[in-house]
């Protein structure tokens, strides 16, 4: 009997240790995210986009096909999948399944729309929006590393020939990861929140793809940077994901989130903020090679 109690006590102690470790990690991540102010950039992107009409050009050029896609996908998902998914989630979420199913379908619809639109409709427009925002913020030095710039005052019309390939496209690995996360929605409330946060973490890792490309960073340098700042990027990505889950206007938020990401990149580049203080992946990589 005493041996059984000893085993139980060891298991409880180990569980408490794991929980405490996870709690401490989460606390550090949240503290880092709060200090970086990354959570503000999606909202700053909305305000900046609203007050800089020149940045509307790429958005307006793609609005009709993408809006039609968003409405069609979201409507079809609710019509064909709401009841089947509700029937499954009601067993684990109870009455809350009515709401968690809606969140799940909105997330699914947003993912489908993003996969199709980013690969076929929006890639060039999003690229122009990101680069144009950097130009509007006078970060022309970094933009000139990836494309030719013309003279003038309009940040979009100044964008010339692309010298470096644009954003990477949606990969099968990202789709597999999304499917793997889906069962989290069977956990009442908390599971849905975890699902959205994990989607946000994945989304956050890609928001500065263009910035890293312009900087000329290698894949290992990018991983190093993202690992050090996982809290800020997860926070940005989670808020961006929530905004892009809103039906019909999700496309608009795709562009404003792009603007927000570019504003963040411009601040890192121009202000040498605390986030940029550790911008030494080049130095760290050199040190690793020297060891």
Foldseek 3Di string as FASTA:
>chain_A
DVVVVVVVVVVVVVVVVVVVVVVVVVVVLQVLQVVLVLLCLLVVLVVVCVVQVLLCVLVVVQVVVLLVLLVVLLVVLCVPPLVVQLVLLCVQAPPCSNVLSLLVSLLVSLVVSCQVCCVPPRVVSLQLSLQLLCVLLVVVVLSVLFFQAQDDDRSSVRTHGGRDDTADHDDVVVVVVLVVLVVLSSHHPVSSVVSLLVQLLVQLLRLCRVVCVSVVDDPVLSVVLCVVNSSNSSSLSSVLSVCLSDGSCNSVSVSSSNSSSSVSSSCLVPVVDPSVVPSVSVVVVVVVVVD
